[in-house]
Amino acid sequence: MVFQAYTRLPSIKLSNGLFSSCTPVPSRPASMAQRRHVSLESYIVTPKELADALTKNVPTKISTAPRVVPICASWFLPNDPEGRTGHSVFKQQRIPSARFFDLDAIKDHDSKYPHMLPTAEGFAKAMQDIGIRKDDEVVIYDSKELGIFSAPRVGWTFKVFGHPSVHLLNNFRLWVEQGYPIESGEVEAVVEEPSHYPTPQVDPDKVVKFAEVKDIAKDYGKEGAEGIQILDARPKGRWAGTAPEPRPGLSSGHIPGSISVPHSELLDPKTGGLLPSDELRRILESKGVDPEKPIISSCGTGVTAAVIDAALGEANFGHANDRRLYDGSWTEWAQRVTERDHLIRKEV
């Protein structure tokens, strides 16, 4: 049964002193732009939450409401044994109408380090090219193959550049397994025209640079040191110096005083998604991480360091304003410190 909405008009007093009720008339339906926009609430969202938001916020050419836009951030290490790339898995399987964020392209091209943050102008240009608007709610997701891996880095990047509404899907593997829509093949044009994305301001409080990390490492163990903690997301063998780095010629090992927190330990081994908040907290506590002290996340090139950052947020571990990411991470560190600095430690 379908019910028609009506608007009741006021009664009118007639000349004979009686009142007459006007015939009710159908009320005007709200336009797409007038309908209530359904927002995602938390940074980490489930497949169901994303599916519901996409269903309730279907964009149209006449709509001016904020959109919910999935963004694939799939990326693979350069030594991937199957030779996979983020773009190739994006073509194989993706959320319908998703955009692709290329970590190897949207970066600082003047830096010799792999994934340094782009300039504000470069980020704005990249967003224009993939049709992202400033008021879009973006939901970043990873490949089905790896689970949570590079999407947190892209989510963190959006936050650094002040994008108002950023979310992380936990995760695409579950999206596929739970039967939500996917598409494959060559990407049809989902960007009708480039957007106007204003040049943003960078939030410097989310980023830490080499010079500061070097000072922290030099002060490690000294009386009166600030006690800033560095968490390393690389596999334990690379942190310990017993396994090689994936980039030829780069020494493995770790920054003095850093704590090994392999990003894989923060994920469900079956689904590849972030573990529940209580489990994340337990793992961090077991590593000796102190929630009352500032935290810097690091890894190989600044990618999986953001997995730690996302886990810290999901576990509500530590103070949000005391969590930063070392952008250059180990690839920069191992190339810039010298042998006489004694700032590469190995557990051998």
Protein backbone atom coordinates (compact mmCIF):
# COMPACT_ATOMS: atom_id res chain seq x y z
CA MET A 1 0.00 0.00 0.00
CA VAL A 2 1.33 3.46 -0.93
CA PHE A 3 0.47 6.47 1.20
CA GLN A 4 0.44 9.94 -0.37
CA ALA A 5 1.71 12.77 1.81
CA TYR A 6 -0.66 15.73 2.11
CA THR A 7 -0.41 19.29 3.36
CA ARG A 8 -3.47 20.52 5.32
CA LEU A 9 -4.43 24.13 4.61
CA PRO A 10 -6.05 26.29 7.33
CA SER A 11 -9.86 26.57 7.63
CA ILE A 12 -11.42 29.70 6.12
CA LYS A 13 -14.32 31.63 7.75
CA LEU A 14 -17.24 32.09 5.31
CA SER A 15 -19.68 35.06 5.15
CA ASN A 16 -22.43 33.02 6.89
CA GLY A 17 -20.21 32.62 9.95
CA LEU A 18 -19.42 28.96 9.31
CA PHE A 19 -15.99 27.48 8.70
CA SER A 20 -15.02 25.44 5.67
CA SER A 21 -12.04 23.08 5.55
CA CYS A 22 -10.04 23.32 2.37
CA THR A 23 -9.43 20.16 0.42
CA PRO A 24 -6.02 18.71 1.31
CA VAL A 25 -3.46 18.88 -1.48
CA PRO A 26 -0.47 16.63 -2.01
CA SER A 27 2.73 18.03 -0.55
CA ARG A 28 5.67 18.57 -2.89
CA PRO A 29 8.30 15.83 -2.69
CA ALA A 30 11.77 16.95 -1.65
CA SER A 31 14.28 17.25 -4.44
CA MET A 32 17.46 15.20 -4.40
CA ALA A 33 19.33 18.27 -3.17
CA GLN A 34 16.82 18.78 -0.36
CA ARG A 35 16.85 15.21 0.92
CA ARG A 36 18.77 14.58 4.08
CA HIS A 37 22.35 13.52 3.39
CA VAL A 38 23.24 10.35 5.29
CA SER A 39 26.73 10.69 6.75
CA LEU A 40 29.09 8.00 7.93
CA GLU A 41 29.95 8.52 11.59
CA SER A 42 33.26 6.83 12.41
CA TYR A 43 36.63 6.78 10.64
CA ILE A 44 36.55 2.98 10.35
CA VAL A 45 33.41 1.79 8.54
CA THR A 46 32.03 -1.68 7.78
CA PRO A 47 30.93 -2.93 4.36
CA LYS A 48 27.28 -2.65 5.46
CA GLU A 49 27.72 0.95 6.58
CA LEU A 50 29.30 1.87 3.26
CA ALA A 51 26.66 -0.02 1.25
CA ASP A 52 23.85 1.72 3.15
CA ALA A 53 25.45 5.13 2.63
CA LEU A 54 25.90 4.53 -1.10
CA THR A 55 22.29 3.39 -1.41
CA LYS A 56 20.92 6.42 0.44
CA ASN A 57 23.17 8.96 -1.26
CA VAL A 58 22.85 8.15 -4.94
CA PRO A 59 24.40 11.06 -6.87
CA THR A 60 22.59 12.64 -9.81
CA LYS A 61 23.50 15.37 -12.26
CA ILE A 62 21.10 17.79 -10.54
CA SER A 63 22.03 16.91 -6.98
CA THR A 64 24.11 19.36 -4.98
CA ALA A 65 24.25 17.16 -1.87
CA PRO A 66 27.63 15.83 -0.70
CA ARG A 67 28.51 12.50 -2.29
CA VAL A 68 29.87 9.29 -0.80
CA VAL A 69 32.79 8.29 -3.03
CA PRO A 70 34.75 5.02 -2.71
CA ILE A 71 38.45 5.35 -3.51
CA CYS A 72 40.64 2.34 -4.20
CA ALA A 73 44.13 2.79 -2.76
CA SER A 74 45.54 -0.64 -3.65
CA TRP A 75 49.34 -0.80 -3.81
CA PHE A 76 51.90 -3.61 -3.78
CA LEU A 77 55.57 -3.72 -2.80
CA PRO A 78 58.01 -3.44 -5.70
CA ASN A 79 59.18 -7.02 -5.08
CA ASP A 80 55.66 -8.50 -5.15
CA PRO A 81 56.19 -12.16 -6.16
CA GLU A 82 53.19 -12.14 -8.50
CA GLY A 83 54.05 -8.82 -10.11
CA ARG A 84 50.73 -7.30 -9.09
CA THR A 85 50.05 -3.58 -9.17
CA GLY A 86 47.33 -1.52 -7.57
CA HIS A 87 45.90 -0.49 -10.92
CA SER A 88 45.74 -4.07 -12.20
CA VAL A 89 43.68 -5.32 -9.24
CA PHE A 90 41.51 -2.20 -9.48
CA LYS A 91 40.57 -3.25 -13.01
CA GLN A 92 39.96 -6.83 -11.92
CA GLN A 93 37.55 -6.07 -9.08
CA ARG A 94 36.32 -2.80 -7.57
CA ILE A 95 33.38 -1.09 -5.91
CA PRO A 96 31.16 0.42 -8.64
CA SER A 97 32.03 4.04 -9.50
CA ALA A 98 35.18 3.91 -7.36
CA ARG A 99 38.09 6.19 -8.17
CA PHE A 100 41.72 5.06 -8.10
CA PHE A 101 44.34 6.82 -5.98
CA ASP A 102 47.78 5.97 -7.36
CA LEU A 103 50.31 6.08 -4.50
CA ASP A 104 53.18 5.91 -6.98
CA ALA A 105 51.90 8.98 -8.83
CA ILE A 106 50.35 11.21 -6.17
CA LYS A 107 53.54 12.07 -4.29
CA ASP A 108 56.41 14.54 -4.15
CA HIS A 109 58.11 13.98 -7.49
CA ASP A 110 61.07 16.14 -6.48
CA SER A 111 62.00 13.76 -3.66
CA LYS A 112 64.18 10.71 -4.17
CA TYR A 113 62.19 8.83 -1.52
CA PRO A 114 59.26 6.76 -2.80
CA HIS A 115 56.07 8.05 -1.19
CA MET A 116 56.68 11.45 0.32
CA LEU A 117 53.59 13.64 0.63
CA PRO A 118 52.77 15.63 -2.50
CA THR A 119 52.67 19.40 -2.40
CA ALA A 120 49.35 21.02 -1.57
CA GLU A 121 49.07 22.08 -5.21
CA GLY A 122 49.88 18.54 -6.37
CA PHE A 123 47.25 17.03 -4.10
CA ALA A 124 44.59 19.49 -5.30
CA LYS A 125 45.45 18.77 -8.95
CA ALA A 126 45.25 15.00 -8.34
CA MET A 127 41.83 15.38 -6.70
CA GLN A 128 40.61 17.46 -9.62
CA ASP A 129 41.81 14.82 -12.07
CA ILE A 130 39.88 12.01 -10.36
CA GLY A 131 36.84 14.21 -9.80
CA ILE A 132 36.90 14.53 -6.01
CA ARG A 133 35.18 17.55 -4.50
CA LYS A 134 36.02 19.12 -1.14
CA ASP A 135 32.58 18.21 0.29
CA ASP A 136 32.73 14.55 -0.79
CA GLU A 137 32.73 11.88 1.90
CA VAL A 138 35.58 9.69 0.73
CA VAL A 139 35.86 6.04 1.78
CA ILE A 140 39.29 4.59 1.14
CA TYR A 141 39.74 0.86 0.61
CA ASP A 142 42.47 -1.68 -0.11
CA SER A 143 42.84 -4.70 -2.37
CA LYS A 144 41.04 -7.93 -1.59
CA GLU A 145 44.37 -9.73 -1.89
CA LEU A 146 46.27 -7.91 0.88
CA GLY A 147 43.54 -6.66 3.18
CA ILE A 148 44.33 -3.50 5.10
CA PHE A 149 47.68 -2.32 3.78
CA SER A 150 47.97 0.95 1.84
CA ALA A 151 44.51 2.49 2.27
CA PRO A 152 45.34 3.92 5.73
CA ARG A 153 48.21 5.87 4.13
CA VAL A 154 45.81 7.45 1.65
CA GLY A 155 43.27 8.15 4.40
CA TRP A 156 46.03 9.78 6.45
CA THR A 157 47.06 11.84 3.40
CA PHE A 158 43.52 13.18 3.02
CA LYS A 159 43.58 14.15 6.70
CA VAL A 160 46.96 15.89 6.38
CA PHE A 161 45.48 18.05 3.63
CA GLY A 162 42.41 18.84 5.69
CA HIS A 163 39.73 16.96 3.77
CA PRO A 164 36.66 17.27 6.01
CA SER A 165 35.19 13.76 5.75
CA VAL A 166 37.49 10.74 5.40
CA HIS A 167 36.75 7.08 6.19
CA LEU A 168 38.51 3.72 5.92
CA LEU A 169 36.66 0.59 4.79
CA ASN A 170 37.31 -2.44 7.00
CA ASN A 171 37.57 -3.98 4.44
CA PHE A 172 37.21 -4.77 0.70
CA ARG A 173 37.77 -8.51 1.17
CA LEU A 174 34.72 -8.62 3.43
CA TRP A 175 32.82 -6.42 0.97
CA VAL A 176 33.34 -9.06 -1.71
CA GLU A 177 32.69 -12.05 0.56
CA GLN A 178 29.48 -10.53 1.89
CA GLY A 179 28.09 -10.14 -1.61
CA TYR A 180 28.06 -6.38 -2.06
CA PRO A 181 28.21 -5.03 -5.65
CA ILE A 182 31.47 -5.16 -7.59
CA GLU A 183 32.46 -4.45 -11.16
CA SER A 184 35.39 -5.53 -13.29
CA GLY A 185 37.04 -4.77 -16.59
CA GLU A 186 38.25 -1.56 -18.11
CA VAL A 187 37.16 1.46 -16.17
CA GLU A 188 34.38 3.44 -17.78
CA ALA A 189 34.48 7.19 -17.30
CA VAL A 190 33.17 7.97 -13.83
CA VAL A 191 34.60 11.47 -13.90
CA GLU A 192 32.36 13.51 -16.16
CA GLU A 193 34.56 16.55 -15.72
CA PRO A 194 37.41 17.52 -13.42
CA SER A 195 36.30 18.95 -10.11
CA HIS A 196 37.33 22.24 -8.59
CA TYR A 197 39.36 21.22 -5.54
CA PRO A 198 40.88 24.22 -3.75
CA THR A 199 44.53 24.17 -2.79
CA PRO A 200 44.48 22.94 0.82
CA GLN A 201 46.49 23.81 3.89
CA VAL A 202 48.86 21.14 5.25
CA ASP A 203 48.42 20.05 8.86
CA PRO A 204 52.04 19.98 10.12
CA ASP A 205 51.01 18.39 13.41
CA LYS A 206 50.43 15.03 11.70
CA VAL A 207 53.88 14.76 10.10
CA VAL A 208 57.39 14.38 11.52
CA LYS A 209 60.56 14.94 9.51
CA PHE A 210 64.02 13.39 9.49
CA ALA A 211 65.78 16.03 11.62
CA GLU A 212 63.40 15.62 14.52
CA VAL A 213 63.54 11.82 14.40
CA LYS A 214 67.35 12.01 14.39
CA ASP A 215 67.31 14.17 17.51
CA ILE A 216 64.94 11.73 19.21
CA ALA A 217 67.19 8.78 18.29
CA LYS A 218 70.31 10.55 19.56
CA ASP A 219 68.59 11.30 22.87
CA TYR A 220 67.29 7.77 23.33
CA GLY A 221 68.21 6.46 26.77
CA LYS A 222 69.54 9.77 28.00
CA GLU A 223 68.31 11.25 31.23
CA GLY A 224 65.70 13.93 30.62
CA ALA A 225 64.77 12.69 27.14
CA GLU A 226 61.16 13.39 26.16
CA GLY A 227 60.23 9.73 25.88
CA ILE A 228 58.72 9.98 22.41
CA GLN A 229 57.95 6.46 21.17
CA ILE A 230 58.66 5.30 17.61
CA LEU A 231 56.60 2.32 16.43
CA ASP A 232 57.91 0.43 13.40
CA ALA A 233 55.35 -1.38 11.22
CA ARG A 234 57.85 -3.43 9.15
CA PRO A 235 58.12 -7.20 9.65
CA LYS A 236 60.15 -8.15 12.71
CA GLY A 237 63.06 -9.54 10.66
CA ARG A 238 63.61 -6.26 8.83
CA TRP A 239 63.41 -4.33 12.11
CA ALA A 240 65.91 -6.73 13.72
CA GLY A 241 68.28 -6.57 10.75
CA THR A 242 68.06 -10.32 10.10
CA ALA A 243 65.95 -10.02 6.92
CA PRO A 244 66.69 -7.85 3.86
CA GLU A 245 64.77 -4.78 2.80
CA PRO A 246 62.74 -5.09 -0.42
CA ARG A 247 64.75 -2.27 -1.99
CA PRO A 248 68.20 -3.41 -3.18
CA GLY A 249 71.17 -1.92 -1.38
CA LEU A 250 69.17 -0.62 1.59
CA SER A 251 70.35 -1.79 5.01
CA SER A 252 67.79 -3.31 7.34
CA GLY A 253 67.72 -2.63 11.08
CA HIS A 254 65.91 -0.06 13.19
CA ILE A 255 65.99 3.42 14.66
CA PRO A 256 67.42 3.35 18.20
CA GLY A 257 64.68 2.93 20.77
CA SER A 258 61.99 2.07 18.24
CA ILE A 259 59.45 -0.64 19.06
CA SER A 260 58.62 -3.39 16.58
CA VAL A 261 54.86 -3.44 15.88
CA PRO A 262 54.48 -5.35 12.59
CA HIS A 263 51.33 -4.12 10.91
CA SER A 264 50.26 -7.71 10.18
CA GLU A 265 49.85 -8.32 13.92
CA LEU A 266 47.14 -5.65 14.00
CA LEU A 267 45.04 -7.46 11.41
CA ASP A 268 42.69 -10.41 11.48
CA PRO A 269 44.65 -13.22 9.73
CA LYS A 270 41.51 -14.48 7.97
CA THR A 271 39.81 -11.27 6.82
CA GLY A 272 42.81 -8.94 6.60
CA GLY A 273 40.80 -6.31 8.48
CA LEU A 274 41.76 -4.35 11.56
CA LEU A 275 41.23 -6.28 14.77
CA PRO A 276 38.59 -5.13 17.30
CA SER A 277 39.61 -2.20 19.46
CA ASP A 278 40.08 -4.24 22.65
CA GLU A 279 42.45 -6.65 20.88
CA LEU A 280 44.41 -3.77 19.37
CA ARG A 281 44.81 -2.23 22.79
CA ARG A 282 46.00 -5.52 24.26
CA ILE A 283 48.63 -5.93 21.53
CA LEU A 284 49.93 -2.39 21.96
CA GLU A 285 50.15 -2.80 25.72
CA SER A 286 51.99 -6.13 25.29
CA LYS A 287 54.61 -4.30 23.19
CA GLY A 288 55.19 -1.85 26.02
CA VAL A 289 53.64 1.13 24.23
CA ASP A 290 52.67 3.84 26.71
CA PRO A 291 49.41 5.65 25.81
CA GLU A 292 50.47 8.65 27.87
CA LYS A 293 53.56 9.37 25.77
CA PRO A 294 53.72 10.81 22.22
CA ILE A 295 53.86 8.28 19.37
CA ILE A 296 55.51 8.41 15.95
CA SER A 297 54.63 5.68 13.44
CA SER A 298 57.22 4.53 10.91
CA CYS A 299 57.72 1.71 8.38
CA GLY A 300 59.53 1.23 5.07
CA THR A 301 58.24 4.19 3.00
CA GLY A 302 55.50 5.66 5.17
CA VAL A 303 52.72 3.37 3.90
CA THR A 304 52.07 0.73 6.57
CA ALA A 305 53.04 3.21 9.31
CA ALA A 306 49.53 4.54 8.71
CA VAL A 307 48.12 1.11 9.62
CA ILE A 308 49.57 1.65 13.10
CA ASP A 309 48.12 5.16 13.14
CA ALA A 310 44.66 3.83 12.19
CA ALA A 311 44.91 1.09 14.83
CA LEU A 312 45.85 3.63 17.50
CA GLY A 313 42.77 5.64 16.59
CA GLU A 314 40.45 2.64 16.50
CA ALA A 315 41.72 1.48 19.90
CA ASN A 316 41.50 5.04 21.26
CA PHE A 317 45.07 4.48 22.39
CA GLY A 318 46.98 7.59 23.34
CA HIS A 319 46.10 11.19 22.62
CA ALA A 320 45.10 12.00 19.04
CA ASN A 321 47.17 15.19 19.06
CA ASP A 322 50.26 13.20 20.12
CA ARG A 323 50.23 10.80 17.16
CA ARG A 324 52.34 11.56 14.10
CA LEU A 325 53.80 9.72 11.12
CA TYR A 326 57.40 9.77 9.90
CA ASP A 327 56.86 10.45 6.21
CA GLY A 328 60.24 9.30 4.89
CA SER A 329 60.40 6.31 7.27
CA TRP A 330 63.12 3.68 6.97
CA THR A 331 63.95 4.30 3.30
CA GLU A 332 64.92 7.86 4.09
CA TRP A 333 66.50 7.00 7.44
CA ALA A 334 68.82 4.28 6.14
CA GLN A 335 70.03 6.53 3.31
CA ARG A 336 70.60 9.68 5.37
CA VAL A 337 72.27 8.51 8.59
CA THR A 338 75.96 7.78 8.33
CA GLU A 339 77.96 4.90 9.75
CA ARG A 340 79.61 7.14 12.31
CA ASP A 341 76.17 8.21 13.59
CA HIS A 342 75.57 4.69 14.96
CA LEU A 343 71.86 5.20 14.38
CA ILE A 344 71.07 1.89 12.66
CA ARG A 345 70.63 -0.84 15.26
CA LYS A 346 70.41 -4.58 14.63
CA GLU A 347 69.38 -7.42 16.93
CA VAL A 348 72.29 -9.69 16.02
